[in-house]
Amino acid sequence: MNGSSTDPAEGSEQPDAREEIMRATYHILCAEGYAGLTMRAIATEAGTSKSLIHYHYDTKDDLLLAFLDRFIDRLDKFLAEIQAETDDHEARLVAFLDRFVVDPDEDERQSFWRALLELRLRAAHDEEFRDQLEANNEAIREALTEIIAEGIDDGAFREVDSRATADLILDALEGARTRQATLGTDDAPLGTHESVREHVVSDLLV
């Protein structure tokens, strides 16, 4: 996934019914996990009715697929923000990596990451979920590849295979987040983040 682990409904100026449903879905996943995500629970959290949710989404699976699809929009917004904030390629790269670190004290983000892992298990046996998660994963990897490639083009980073480097970084960080979520290794993402900065990012710098 999915690299952004923030509320995918965040950032709307005037939330409509779909925005409220997405926001409610996020909060239920954080609080109850995938097992607790029911149309009734979403309706209660959103302060609406099940019939209104079914008006927009035929099934819970349809709702979840739409929910996952929003992460690409959130990723695009985040990339635009870091592009606007700095011209420094190392700073952009580090800002991107920071998104993958879930502090042990961030209970909500920890809970949400665990819920996403549950959804990933669906992908093993569900083609629609697999296709959506593959799209999310590819968008994240392409975004990081582009950050590295731009740094190379501008002479800030040395010549490397930008896609292979992006894959290495993301595989390390995602593995650390999985250990944190499933094994309770709270310091895994922070430790891996520091190692990536020390052994990969520093090695990229010209």
Protein backbone atom coordinates (compact mmCIF):
# COMPACT_ATOMS: atom_id res chain seq x y z
CA MET A 1 0.00 0.00 0.00
CA ASN A 2 0.23 1.51 0.77
CA GLY A 3 2.56 4.32 1.54
CA SER A 4 0.31 6.91 3.02
CA SER A 5 -1.06 5.77 6.45
CA THR A 6 -3.11 8.89 7.15
CA ASP A 7 -6.83 9.45 6.92
CA PRO A 8 -7.67 9.16 3.19
CA ALA A 9 -10.73 11.37 3.71
CA GLU A 10 -8.57 14.15 5.11
CA GLY A 11 -8.27 17.45 3.28
CA SER A 12 -11.81 17.96 1.95
CA GLU A 13 -13.14 21.46 2.37
CA GLN A 14 -16.83 20.56 2.32
CA PRO A 15 -17.29 16.86 3.00
CA ASP A 16 -20.23 15.31 1.15
CA ALA A 17 -21.88 12.00 1.97
CA ARG A 18 -19.09 9.98 0.35
CA GLU A 19 -16.46 11.92 2.29
CA GLU A 20 -18.23 11.20 5.57
CA ILE A 21 -18.53 7.52 4.69
CA MET A 22 -14.79 7.34 3.88
CA ARG A 23 -13.91 9.14 7.10
CA ALA A 24 -16.13 6.79 9.11
CA THR A 25 -14.54 3.78 7.40
CA TYR A 26 -11.09 5.01 8.39
CA HIS A 27 -12.08 5.49 12.04
CA ILE A 28 -13.79 2.10 12.28
CA LEU A 29 -10.74 0.36 10.79
CA CYS A 30 -8.53 2.12 13.35
CA ALA A 31 -10.78 1.30 16.28
CA GLU A 32 -12.09 -2.17 15.40
CA GLY A 33 -9.93 -3.52 12.58
CA TYR A 34 -11.29 -5.19 9.48
CA ALA A 35 -13.38 -7.62 11.52
CA GLY A 36 -15.34 -4.76 13.08
CA LEU A 37 -16.03 -3.00 9.80
CA THR A 38 -19.72 -3.44 9.05
CA MET A 39 -22.14 -1.26 7.15
CA ARG A 40 -24.05 -0.69 10.39
CA ALA A 41 -20.91 0.45 12.21
CA ILE A 42 -19.97 2.78 9.36
CA ALA A 43 -23.47 4.25 9.29
CA THR A 44 -23.41 4.86 13.04
CA GLU A 45 -19.95 6.48 12.87
CA ALA A 46 -20.97 8.65 9.91
CA GLY A 47 -24.28 9.63 11.49
CA THR A 48 -26.21 8.37 8.48
CA SER A 49 -28.23 5.33 7.42
CA LYS A 50 -27.23 2.01 5.92
CA SER A 51 -29.54 2.72 2.99
CA LEU A 52 -27.59 5.88 2.15
CA ILE A 53 -24.32 3.96 2.21
CA HIS A 54 -25.81 1.30 -0.07
CA TYR A 55 -26.98 4.08 -2.38
CA HIS A 56 -23.32 4.94 -3.00
CA TYR A 57 -21.75 1.48 -2.58
CA ASP A 58 -23.57 -1.75 -3.36
CA THR A 59 -21.47 -3.86 -1.00
CA LYS A 60 -18.85 -3.49 1.71
CA ASP A 61 -16.25 -4.69 -0.76
CA ASP A 62 -17.20 -1.90 -3.18
CA LEU A 63 -16.81 0.60 -0.36
CA LEU A 64 -13.41 -0.77 0.65
CA LEU A 65 -12.12 -0.73 -2.93
CA ALA A 66 -13.16 2.91 -3.23
CA PHE A 67 -11.50 3.61 0.11
CA LEU A 68 -8.21 2.06 -1.03
CA ASP A 69 -8.34 3.90 -4.34
CA ARG A 70 -8.27 7.23 -2.49
CA PHE A 71 -4.71 6.62 -1.31
CA ILE A 72 -3.39 7.44 -4.77
CA ASP A 73 -5.05 10.86 -4.59
CA ARG A 74 -3.59 11.40 -1.14
CA LEU A 75 -0.15 10.39 -2.42
CA ASP A 76 -0.38 12.90 -5.28
CA LYS A 77 -1.29 15.65 -2.84
CA PHE A 78 1.62 14.77 -0.54
CA LEU A 79 4.09 14.74 -3.44
CA ALA A 80 2.89 18.17 -4.55
CA GLU A 81 3.39 19.45 -0.99
CA ILE A 82 7.00 18.28 -0.68
CA GLN A 83 7.78 19.55 -4.18
CA ALA A 84 6.49 22.97 -3.14
CA GLU A 85 8.28 22.97 0.23
CA THR A 86 11.87 22.43 -0.93
CA ASP A 87 14.15 22.12 -3.95
CA ASP A 88 16.58 19.97 -1.97
CA HIS A 89 16.47 16.42 -3.32
CA GLU A 90 17.74 14.81 -0.14
CA ALA A 91 15.07 16.63 1.90
CA ARG A 92 12.36 15.42 -0.48
CA LEU A 93 13.62 11.86 -0.26
CA VAL A 94 13.77 11.93 3.54
CA ALA A 95 10.26 13.47 3.74
CA PHE A 96 8.98 10.60 1.63
CA LEU A 97 10.66 8.03 3.88
CA ASP A 98 9.26 9.69 6.99
CA ARG A 99 5.75 8.79 5.84
CA PHE A 100 6.54 5.13 6.39
CA VAL A 101 7.54 5.46 10.03
CA VAL A 102 4.80 4.82 12.57
CA ASP A 103 5.89 5.94 16.01
CA PRO A 104 5.01 3.44 18.78
CA ASP A 105 2.99 6.19 20.49
CA GLU A 106 0.80 6.76 17.44
CA ASP A 107 -1.92 4.29 18.41
CA GLU A 108 -4.31 5.30 15.63
CA ARG A 109 -1.78 4.90 12.82
CA GLN A 110 -0.58 1.61 14.33
CA SER A 111 -4.16 0.30 14.38
CA PHE A 112 -4.77 1.46 10.84
CA TRP A 113 -1.62 -0.26 9.55
CA ARG A 114 -2.76 -3.51 11.17
CA ALA A 115 -6.14 -3.14 9.44
CA LEU A 116 -4.39 -2.61 6.10
CA LEU A 117 -2.45 -5.82 6.65
CA GLU A 118 -5.75 -7.62 7.10
CA LEU A 119 -6.95 -6.16 3.81
CA ARG A 120 -3.76 -7.33 2.13
CA LEU A 121 -4.62 -10.88 3.12
CA ARG A 122 -7.83 -10.50 1.12
CA ALA A 123 -5.72 -9.77 -1.94
CA ALA A 124 -4.24 -13.27 -1.85
CA HIS A 125 -7.64 -14.71 -2.74
CA ASP A 126 -9.54 -11.77 -4.26
CA GLU A 127 -8.56 -10.44 -7.69
CA GLU A 128 -10.28 -7.07 -7.29
CA PHE A 129 -8.50 -6.33 -4.03
CA ARG A 130 -5.22 -7.57 -5.50
CA ASP A 131 -5.56 -5.28 -8.53
CA GLN A 132 -6.32 -2.26 -6.35
CA LEU A 133 -3.48 -2.92 -3.93
CA GLU A 134 -1.10 -3.51 -6.84
CA ALA A 135 -2.11 -0.11 -8.26
CA ASN A 136 -1.49 1.55 -4.90
CA ASN A 137 1.84 -0.20 -4.48
CA GLU A 138 2.98 0.74 -7.99
CA ALA A 139 2.01 4.39 -7.46
CA ILE A 140 4.14 4.55 -4.30
CA ARG A 141 7.13 2.89 -5.96
CA GLU A 142 6.88 5.07 -9.05
CA ALA A 143 6.74 8.19 -6.88
CA LEU A 144 9.90 7.24 -4.98
CA THR A 145 11.62 6.20 -8.21
CA GLU A 146 10.89 9.62 -9.66
CA ILE A 147 12.28 11.43 -6.61
CA ILE A 148 15.52 9.48 -6.91
CA ALA A 149 15.69 9.90 -10.70
CA GLU A 150 15.20 13.68 -10.42
CA GLY A 151 18.05 13.83 -7.90
CA ILE A 152 20.29 11.95 -10.32
CA ASP A 153 19.32 14.21 -13.23
CA ASP A 154 20.13 17.34 -11.20
CA GLY A 155 23.47 15.97 -10.02
CA ALA A 156 22.47 15.67 -6.36
CA PHE A 157 22.54 11.85 -6.38
CA ARG A 158 25.06 9.55 -7.98
CA GLU A 159 24.09 7.32 -10.90
CA VAL A 160 22.10 4.30 -9.69
CA ASP A 161 19.18 2.21 -10.88
CA SER A 162 16.45 4.45 -9.45
CA ARG A 163 13.70 1.80 -9.54
CA ALA A 164 15.85 -0.89 -7.91
CA THR A 165 16.87 1.58 -5.19
CA ALA A 166 13.25 2.57 -4.58
CA ASP A 167 12.26 -1.10 -4.31
CA LEU A 168 15.06 -1.78 -1.83
CA ILE A 169 14.05 1.15 0.38
CA LEU A 170 10.34 0.39 0.37
CA ASP A 171 10.78 -3.35 0.93
CA ALA A 172 12.91 -2.60 3.99
CA LEU A 173 10.49 -0.05 5.44
CA GLU A 174 7.36 -2.07 4.73
CA GLY A 175 8.94 -5.15 6.27
CA ALA A 176 9.76 -3.16 9.39
CA ARG A 177 6.20 -1.86 9.64
CA THR A 178 4.87 -5.38 9.28
CA ARG A 179 7.09 -6.59 12.13
CA GLN A 180 5.90 -3.67 14.24
CA ALA A 181 2.23 -4.44 13.56
CA THR A 182 2.33 -8.22 13.89
CA LEU A 183 5.16 -8.95 16.32
CA GLY A 184 5.05 -5.87 18.51
CA THR A 185 8.57 -4.83 17.52
CA ASP A 186 7.80 -1.18 18.21
CA ASP A 187 11.18 0.23 17.30
CA ALA A 188 11.52 -1.67 13.99
CA PRO A 189 10.41 1.17 11.64
CA LEU A 190 12.51 3.80 13.40
CA GLY A 191 15.58 1.56 13.37
CA THR A 192 15.12 0.63 9.73
CA HIS A 193 14.50 4.26 8.79
CA GLU A 194 17.79 5.26 10.42
CA SER A 195 19.64 2.43 8.66
CA VAL A 196 18.17 3.38 5.28
CA ARG A 197 19.25 6.98 5.78
CA GLU A 198 22.73 5.94 6.88
CA HIS A 199 23.44 3.21 4.34
CA VAL A 200 21.27 4.07 1.33
CA VAL A 201 20.43 7.78 1.32
CA SER A 202 23.92 8.86 2.36
CA ASP A 203 25.39 6.62 -0.33
CA LEU A 204 23.27 8.35 -2.96
CA LEU A 205 24.67 11.79 -2.21
CA VAL A 206 27.29 13.12 -4.55
